[in-house]
Amino acid sequence: MRQTLLIDPVAFSIGSLSVHWYGLILGLGALVGLLLAIREGKRFGIPQEFFMDLLLLGVPSAIIAARIYYVAFKWEDYKDNFLDVFKIWNGGIAIYGALIGAVICAVIYVRRKGYSFWRIADICAPSLLAGQIIGRWGNFVNQEAYGGPVEESFLRNTLNLPDFIVNQMNVQGVFHHPTFLYESLWNVVGIILVLIIRRLRFLRAGELFIGYFIWYSIGRFFIEAVRTDSLAFQGAQPVADFINNTLWAPMRWMGFELGYLDPAYGNIRISQLLSILLVIGGIVLIIVRRVTGKANERYLDPIVSTKAVSEAPEADQQAGKSPVSAAKASEPVSANRTDKVQEDANVKIQGEDRPATPHDSGNGESDSYTEDPALKPDTEDKKE
């Protein structure tokens, strides 16, 4: 038997701590996704801290949901050994579960920050694709999530793959389809399309994110059936035949064969069925949102946080008045004060210059003076 050349899954060790390539690759995917979101967020005035916090909350949520999703469909393997549910280092997570967890976390966090979920989800769509493009190479290093058996010549001559990929697809002397590579390349095409489409005026809010699910699900539907480790269940045979024979026919035309699935385990792959539902649901959702007028906002429109708008009046109340209001309020006060000073000066001058009228006290002396009645109208006019 030919010797299998494998990549050591442990990148390096620090004492007794082993750092695996899988974790490093997933971390790199998350970092690239974060940088893409921050860069696009700057165009809309969203602070980078917002996306950093979203990542810190989203990653644990995605991992937990991915594990729950996997265990739910593999419950027979865990019901008698419940503690094994928490041994995630032994493998067993599902990408669709991770997406569900990330979306739930994002809905809660984004709304608490006062943003529209659809607007932020659109910005994060390329980040999700980038994370999947890079993250799938973790499966490559671990020799997992591969497809059914294939001839070495198919990998070397038909696909023209480099030696390091061909050698890693040699699992215990048998070569397999590099399904990790198929999905990674499919997402590369997807991220290019997304980066182009998001600059077009016709795109409405939410449609980029929905389009991501449609694109990914189409690729996942065809690639999933090549794999041999799919989660599955026993369903109606006509449904299984429709999926595996009718819808999957294009792959047969290209020379691919269905990956082995134990009949006793199931006949319908869960990821394939979910992919079909997401494609149909995504298309219907886009149409309904446009018809009902819920997609009037465009991707290129400004993004505003309702929290920022509501906090502005509160800040004004705490400060008393805004600088602009204070300036406006001070103008009439200064003008009234100037008019009052001028009025007092005029009255004083008039009092000094007007002729005095003696008032007879009864003894022939003029002991006081009174205003000339003729001056009263002038004085009243000035006061008005």
Foldseek 3Di string as FASTA:
>chain_A
DDDFDAFPQFPDADVPRTHGPLVVLLVVLLVVLLVQLCVVVVLQPDHSVLSVVLSVQLQVQLQVQQLVVQCVLVVVVCVVPVVVSPVCVVPTGDNVSSVVSSLVSLVVSCVVQQWDSLLSLLSSLLSVLSSLLRNLVSCLNVVPQWFAFDDLCCVCPVVVDDPVSQSSQQDVNTGTHSLSNQLSVLSVVVSVVSVVVQVDFVAFRNLNSLVSLLSSLVSCLQSVQRHAPFRAAADDPVVLCCSQPPVNVVVVVVPGDGGDDPVVRYRGGPSNVVSVVSNVVSVVVVVVCVVVVVRVHHNPDHIDGPVVVVVVVVVCVVVPHDPVVVVVVVVVVVVVVVLVVVLVVVVVVCVVPDDWDFDDPPPPDRPDTDDDVVCVVVNVVSVD
